[in-house]
């Protein structure tokens, strides 16, 4: 019995990767990679212009403050 397992998915411009990792030991249980189809490539996430976690949460913090102040 393995217990808890992390399932990690990722991709590059040409391949998709799937990895299963034993959460307790950190050992890789299973992994596979597949070449992306032409259709999949145009749906890839662009990593340019990514903002920080703190910047992404800023609008949420403002809305929460407004809600707490009754606005």
Protein backbone atom coordinates (compact mmCIF):
# COMPACT_ATOMS: atom_id res chain seq x y z
CA UNK A 1 0.00 0.00 0.00
CA UNK A 2 1.37 3.37 -1.02
CA UNK A 3 -0.72 5.82 1.02
CA UNK A 4 -0.93 9.40 -0.20
CA UNK A 5 0.34 10.17 -3.69
CA UNK A 6 1.18 13.46 -5.37
CA UNK A 7 0.08 13.59 -9.00
CA UNK A 8 2.08 16.16 -10.96
CA UNK A 9 1.31 17.19 -14.52
CA UNK A 10 3.34 19.54 -16.65
CA UNK A 11 4.39 20.20 -20.20
CA UNK A 12 6.95 21.80 -22.46
CA UNK A 13 6.36 23.10 -25.95
CA UNK A 14 6.56 19.54 -27.31
CA UNK A 15 5.66 17.07 -24.51
CA UNK A 16 3.20 16.48 -21.68
CA UNK A 17 4.52 14.86 -18.48
CA UNK A 18 2.68 12.96 -15.73
CA UNK A 19 4.43 11.85 -12.53
CA UNK A 20 3.12 10.07 -9.43
CA UNK A 21 5.19 10.56 -6.26
CA UNK A 22 4.85 8.78 -2.92
CA UNK A 23 4.01 11.63 -0.52
CA UNK A 24 5.79 9.99 2.42
CA UNK A 25 9.03 8.83 0.78
CA UNK A 26 9.30 11.18 -2.20
CA UNK A 27 9.95 8.19 -4.48
CA UNK A 28 8.62 8.34 -8.03
CA UNK A 29 5.99 5.63 -8.36
CA UNK A 30 5.12 6.13 -12.02
CA UNK A 31 5.90 8.55 -14.83
CA UNK A 32 5.09 9.02 -18.47
CA UNK A 33 5.57 11.55 -21.22
CA UNK A 34 3.61 12.01 -24.41
CA UNK A 35 4.27 14.16 -27.42
CA UNK A 36 1.73 17.00 -27.68
CA UNK A 37 -0.67 17.05 -30.60
CA UNK A 38 -0.77 20.11 -32.85
CA UNK A 39 -4.07 21.20 -31.25
CA UNK A 40 -2.61 20.98 -27.75
CA UNK A 41 0.29 23.27 -28.63
CA UNK A 42 -1.91 26.26 -29.38
CA UNK A 43 -3.52 25.93 -25.91
CA UNK A 44 -0.26 25.99 -24.00
CA UNK A 45 0.02 28.54 -21.19
CA UNK A 46 2.32 31.43 -22.01
CA UNK A 47 4.70 32.10 -19.13
CA UNK A 48 5.52 35.68 -20.07
CA UNK A 49 3.98 38.46 -18.00
CA UNK A 50 3.25 36.34 -14.94
CA UNK A 51 2.61 38.38 -11.80
CA UNK A 52 3.61 37.47 -8.26
CA UNK A 53 1.28 35.73 -5.81
CA UNK A 54 1.17 38.89 -3.66
CA UNK A 55 0.18 41.07 -6.62
CA UNK A 56 -2.51 38.58 -7.65
CA UNK A 57 -4.01 38.64 -4.14
CA UNK A 58 -4.07 42.46 -3.90
CA UNK A 59 -7.56 42.89 -5.47
CA UNK A 60 -8.90 40.18 -3.14
CA UNK A 61 -7.43 41.93 -0.10
CA UNK A 62 -9.08 45.20 -1.16
CA UNK A 63 -12.47 43.53 -1.64
CA UNK A 64 -12.17 41.77 1.73
CA UNK A 65 -11.31 45.07 3.47
CA UNK A 66 -14.32 46.75 1.83
CA UNK A 67 -16.64 43.93 2.88
CA UNK A 68 -15.40 44.11 6.46
CA UNK A 69 -15.98 47.88 6.52
CA UNK A 70 -19.53 47.45 5.22
CA UNK A 71 -18.95 48.93 1.75
